[in-house]
N, C-alpha and C. Protein backbone atom coordinates (compact mmCIF):
# COMPACT_ATOMS: atom_id res chain seq x y z
N MET A 1 0.83 -1.19 0.00
CA MET A 1 0.00 0.00 0.00
C MET A 1 0.87 1.24 0.00
N SER A 2 0.27 2.32 -0.42
CA SER A 2 0.99 3.58 -0.49
C SER A 2 1.13 4.19 0.90
N ASP A 3 2.20 4.97 1.09
CA ASP A 3 2.43 5.62 2.38
C ASP A 3 1.57 6.86 2.57
N ASP A 4 0.84 7.30 1.53
CA ASP A 4 0.05 8.52 1.64
C ASP A 4 -1.41 8.26 2.03
N LEU A 5 -1.71 7.09 2.54
CA LEU A 5 -3.07 6.80 2.99
C LEU A 5 -3.29 7.40 4.37
N ASP A 6 -4.42 8.10 4.53
CA ASP A 6 -4.72 8.66 5.85
C ASP A 6 -5.76 7.81 6.55
N GLY A 7 -6.23 8.25 7.72
CA GLY A 7 -7.18 7.49 8.51
C GLY A 7 -8.48 7.21 7.78
N THR A 8 -8.95 8.19 6.98
CA THR A 8 -10.20 8.01 6.24
C THR A 8 -10.04 6.90 5.21
N ASP A 9 -8.91 6.91 4.51
CA ASP A 9 -8.67 5.87 3.51
C ASP A 9 -8.63 4.49 4.18
N MET A 10 -7.98 4.42 5.31
CA MET A 10 -7.87 3.13 6.00
C MET A 10 -9.24 2.66 6.50
N HIS A 11 -10.10 3.61 6.92
CA HIS A 11 -11.46 3.25 7.35
C HIS A 11 -12.23 2.65 6.18
N ILE A 12 -12.12 3.26 5.02
CA ILE A 12 -12.82 2.76 3.83
C ILE A 12 -12.29 1.38 3.45
N ILE A 13 -10.97 1.24 3.45
CA ILE A 13 -10.36 -0.04 3.08
C ILE A 13 -10.77 -1.13 4.07
N SER A 14 -10.88 -0.78 5.35
CA SER A 14 -11.21 -1.79 6.36
C SER A 14 -12.62 -2.34 6.18
N ARG A 15 -13.49 -1.60 5.50
CA ARG A 15 -14.85 -2.08 5.29
C ARG A 15 -14.91 -3.18 4.23
N PHE A 16 -13.86 -3.35 3.45
CA PHE A 16 -13.82 -4.37 2.42
C PHE A 16 -13.02 -5.57 2.92
N THR A 17 -13.54 -6.21 3.93
CA THR A 17 -12.87 -7.37 4.50
C THR A 17 -13.40 -8.64 3.85
N PRO A 18 -12.61 -9.71 3.86
CA PRO A 18 -13.08 -10.96 3.27
C PRO A 18 -14.31 -11.47 4.02
N ARG A 19 -15.19 -12.12 3.30
CA ARG A 19 -16.38 -12.70 3.91
C ARG A 19 -15.99 -13.89 4.77
N GLN A 20 -16.84 -14.16 5.78
CA GLN A 20 -16.61 -15.32 6.61
C GLN A 20 -16.90 -16.58 5.81
N ALA A 21 -16.30 -17.67 6.24
CA ALA A 21 -16.51 -18.95 5.56
C ALA A 21 -17.99 -19.32 5.62
N HIS A 22 -18.45 -20.05 4.62
CA HIS A 22 -19.83 -20.51 4.60
C HIS A 22 -20.00 -21.60 5.64
N SER A 23 -20.58 -21.22 6.75
CA SER A 23 -20.84 -22.17 7.83
C SER A 23 -22.05 -21.67 8.59
N ALA A 24 -22.61 -22.52 9.43
CA ALA A 24 -23.75 -22.10 10.23
C ALA A 24 -23.37 -20.94 11.13
N ALA A 25 -22.17 -20.99 11.73
CA ALA A 25 -21.73 -19.91 12.60
C ALA A 25 -21.56 -18.61 11.82
N GLY A 26 -21.00 -18.70 10.62
CA GLY A 26 -20.82 -17.53 9.78
C GLY A 26 -22.15 -16.91 9.38
N ARG A 27 -23.12 -17.75 9.07
CA ARG A 27 -24.45 -17.23 8.72
C ARG A 27 -25.10 -16.55 9.92
N ARG A 28 -24.96 -17.13 11.11
CA ARG A 28 -25.55 -16.52 12.30
C ARG A 28 -24.93 -15.14 12.57
N VAL A 29 -23.63 -15.03 12.37
CA VAL A 29 -22.98 -13.74 12.57
C VAL A 29 -23.52 -12.73 11.57
N ALA A 30 -23.65 -13.13 10.32
CA ALA A 30 -24.15 -12.22 9.28
C ALA A 30 -25.59 -11.82 9.55
N GLU A 31 -26.40 -12.75 10.03
CA GLU A 31 -27.82 -12.47 10.25
C GLU A 31 -28.04 -11.57 11.46
N THR A 32 -27.11 -11.51 12.39
CA THR A 32 -27.29 -10.68 13.58
C THR A 32 -26.76 -9.27 13.39
N LYS A 33 -26.04 -9.03 12.30
CA LYS A 33 -25.54 -7.69 12.04
C LYS A 33 -26.71 -6.79 11.64
N PRO A 34 -26.70 -5.53 12.08
CA PRO A 34 -27.78 -4.62 11.68
C PRO A 34 -27.72 -4.34 10.18
N MET A 35 -28.88 -4.09 9.59
CA MET A 35 -28.95 -3.81 8.17
C MET A 35 -28.21 -2.50 7.88
N HIS A 36 -27.40 -2.49 6.85
CA HIS A 36 -26.65 -1.30 6.48
C HIS A 36 -27.63 -0.21 6.09
N HIS A 37 -27.31 1.05 6.44
CA HIS A 37 -28.25 2.15 6.21
C HIS A 37 -28.52 2.38 4.73
N ARG A 38 -27.73 1.83 3.84
CA ARG A 38 -27.97 2.01 2.41
C ARG A 38 -28.66 0.80 1.79
N ASP A 39 -29.20 -0.07 2.61
CA ASP A 39 -29.86 -1.27 2.10
C ASP A 39 -31.12 -0.88 1.35
N GLY A 40 -31.30 -1.40 0.15
CA GLY A 40 -32.43 -1.05 -0.70
C GLY A 40 -33.79 -1.42 -0.12
N ARG A 41 -33.84 -2.46 0.72
CA ARG A 41 -35.13 -2.86 1.30
C ARG A 41 -35.71 -1.75 2.15
N LYS A 42 -34.88 -1.07 2.90
CA LYS A 42 -35.37 0.02 3.75
C LYS A 42 -35.89 1.16 2.88
N LEU A 43 -35.22 1.43 1.79
CA LEU A 43 -35.66 2.52 0.91
C LEU A 43 -37.04 2.23 0.33
N ARG A 44 -37.30 0.99 -0.03
CA ARG A 44 -38.62 0.65 -0.59
C ARG A 44 -39.71 0.79 0.45
N THR A 45 -39.45 0.46 1.71
CA THR A 45 -40.48 0.56 2.73
C THR A 45 -40.78 2.01 3.08
N THR A 46 -39.90 2.94 2.75
CA THR A 46 -40.14 4.35 3.03
C THR A 46 -40.72 5.06 1.82
N GLY A 47 -40.96 4.34 0.73
CA GLY A 47 -41.52 4.95 -0.47
C GLY A 47 -40.47 5.55 -1.38
N ARG A 48 -39.21 5.39 -1.06
CA ARG A 48 -38.14 5.94 -1.89
C ARG A 48 -37.79 4.92 -2.98
N THR A 49 -38.43 5.07 -4.12
CA THR A 49 -38.19 4.11 -5.19
C THR A 49 -37.61 4.77 -6.44
N ALA A 50 -37.64 6.10 -6.53
CA ALA A 50 -37.09 6.80 -7.68
C ALA A 50 -35.59 7.02 -7.47
N GLN A 51 -34.82 6.70 -8.48
CA GLN A 51 -33.37 6.87 -8.37
C GLN A 51 -32.97 8.22 -8.92
N MET A 52 -32.00 8.86 -8.26
CA MET A 52 -31.49 10.16 -8.69
C MET A 52 -29.97 10.09 -8.63
N ASN A 53 -29.33 10.23 -9.77
CA ASN A 53 -27.86 10.15 -9.82
C ASN A 53 -27.29 11.55 -9.96
N LEU A 54 -26.31 11.85 -9.14
CA LEU A 54 -25.66 13.15 -9.15
C LEU A 54 -24.16 12.97 -9.22
N LYS A 55 -23.51 13.89 -9.89
CA LYS A 55 -22.05 13.94 -9.86
C LYS A 55 -21.66 15.02 -8.87
N VAL A 56 -20.89 14.66 -7.86
CA VAL A 56 -20.43 15.61 -6.85
C VAL A 56 -18.92 15.44 -6.66
N ARG A 57 -18.33 16.42 -6.01
CA ARG A 57 -16.90 16.32 -5.70
C ARG A 57 -16.70 15.21 -4.69
N PRO A 58 -15.63 14.46 -4.79
CA PRO A 58 -15.37 13.37 -3.84
C PRO A 58 -15.37 13.83 -2.38
N ASP A 59 -14.81 15.02 -2.11
CA ASP A 59 -14.77 15.50 -0.73
C ASP A 59 -16.17 15.80 -0.21
N PHE A 60 -17.08 16.27 -1.07
CA PHE A 60 -18.46 16.53 -0.66
C PHE A 60 -19.15 15.22 -0.33
N ARG A 61 -18.97 14.20 -1.17
CA ARG A 61 -19.59 12.89 -0.89
C ARG A 61 -19.06 12.31 0.41
N ASP A 62 -17.75 12.40 0.61
CA ASP A 62 -17.15 11.90 1.86
C ASP A 62 -17.75 12.60 3.07
N HIS A 63 -17.98 13.91 2.94
CA HIS A 63 -18.56 14.68 4.04
C HIS A 63 -19.99 14.22 4.32
N ILE A 64 -20.79 14.02 3.28
CA ILE A 64 -22.17 13.56 3.44
C ILE A 64 -22.19 12.18 4.10
N VAL A 65 -21.33 11.28 3.65
CA VAL A 65 -21.26 9.93 4.21
C VAL A 65 -20.89 10.00 5.69
N ALA A 66 -19.89 10.82 6.02
CA ALA A 66 -19.42 10.91 7.41
C ALA A 66 -20.51 11.47 8.33
N VAL A 67 -21.20 12.51 7.89
CA VAL A 67 -22.25 13.11 8.71
C VAL A 67 -23.41 12.13 8.90
N ALA A 68 -23.82 11.48 7.82
CA ALA A 68 -24.94 10.53 7.90
C ALA A 68 -24.59 9.36 8.81
N GLU A 69 -23.38 8.83 8.68
CA GLU A 69 -22.97 7.71 9.54
C GLU A 69 -22.87 8.14 11.00
N ALA A 70 -22.36 9.35 11.25
CA ALA A 70 -22.23 9.84 12.62
C ALA A 70 -23.59 10.03 13.27
N ASP A 71 -24.57 10.44 12.48
CA ASP A 71 -25.92 10.67 13.01
C ASP A 71 -26.80 9.43 12.94
N GLY A 72 -26.29 8.36 12.32
CA GLY A 72 -27.04 7.12 12.24
C GLY A 72 -28.24 7.21 11.32
N ILE A 73 -28.12 8.01 10.26
CA ILE A 73 -29.21 8.14 9.30
C ILE A 73 -28.71 7.81 7.91
N MET A 74 -29.64 7.66 6.97
CA MET A 74 -29.25 7.40 5.59
C MET A 74 -28.85 8.72 4.93
N MET A 75 -28.01 8.63 3.91
CA MET A 75 -27.58 9.83 3.20
C MET A 75 -28.79 10.57 2.64
N VAL A 76 -29.76 9.85 2.14
CA VAL A 76 -30.94 10.49 1.55
C VAL A 76 -31.71 11.28 2.61
N GLU A 77 -31.75 10.80 3.84
CA GLU A 77 -32.43 11.53 4.91
C GLU A 77 -31.72 12.85 5.19
N LEU A 78 -30.41 12.83 5.17
CA LEU A 78 -29.64 14.05 5.39
C LEU A 78 -29.89 15.05 4.26
N ILE A 79 -29.89 14.57 3.03
CA ILE A 79 -30.10 15.45 1.88
C ILE A 79 -31.52 16.00 1.89
N GLU A 80 -32.51 15.16 2.22
CA GLU A 80 -33.90 15.64 2.30
C GLU A 80 -34.03 16.73 3.36
N ALA A 81 -33.41 16.54 4.52
CA ALA A 81 -33.47 17.54 5.59
C ALA A 81 -32.81 18.84 5.16
N ALA A 82 -31.69 18.74 4.43
CA ALA A 82 -30.99 19.94 3.97
C ALA A 82 -31.85 20.71 2.97
N VAL A 83 -32.51 20.02 2.07
CA VAL A 83 -33.37 20.70 1.08
C VAL A 83 -34.56 21.35 1.78
N GLU A 84 -35.17 20.64 2.75
CA GLU A 84 -36.30 21.21 3.50
C GLU A 84 -35.88 22.49 4.22
N GLU A 85 -34.72 22.45 4.87
CA GLU A 85 -34.24 23.64 5.58
C GLU A 85 -33.96 24.78 4.60
N TYR A 86 -33.41 24.46 3.46
CA TYR A 86 -33.14 25.46 2.42
C TYR A 86 -34.44 26.12 1.97
N LEU A 87 -35.47 25.31 1.72
CA LEU A 87 -36.76 25.87 1.28
C LEU A 87 -37.41 26.70 2.39
N GLU A 88 -37.30 26.27 3.63
CA GLU A 88 -37.83 27.07 4.76
C GLU A 88 -37.14 28.42 4.83
N ARG A 89 -35.83 28.42 4.64
CA ARG A 89 -35.08 29.67 4.70
C ARG A 89 -35.52 30.63 3.59
N LEU A 90 -35.91 30.06 2.43
CA LEU A 90 -36.40 30.90 1.33
C LEU A 90 -37.87 31.28 1.50
N GLY A 91 -38.54 30.66 2.45
CA GLY A 91 -39.95 30.94 2.68
C GLY A 91 -40.88 30.23 1.71
N ARG A 92 -40.47 29.09 1.22
CA ARG A 92 -41.31 28.33 0.28
C ARG A 92 -41.96 27.17 0.96
């Protein structure tokens, strides 16, 4: 690995760990983990079915991911709240 990796890079890399072996114990561990906040099943139950693709700066995306993870919410919830606050500030 390169010597210029910082803590954020290492956090991202650490999330890509090898899967556990296919065994009953491995399945139990996987089944007890909480659903990731970006899981599509949760989005469907909230009525979020339309996809919207945006190109943003990498640092902006990293910031959105960090804030959403710190607050324990989905990125879409953070963006929806930001747009609502923006519209309130404009009086719409």
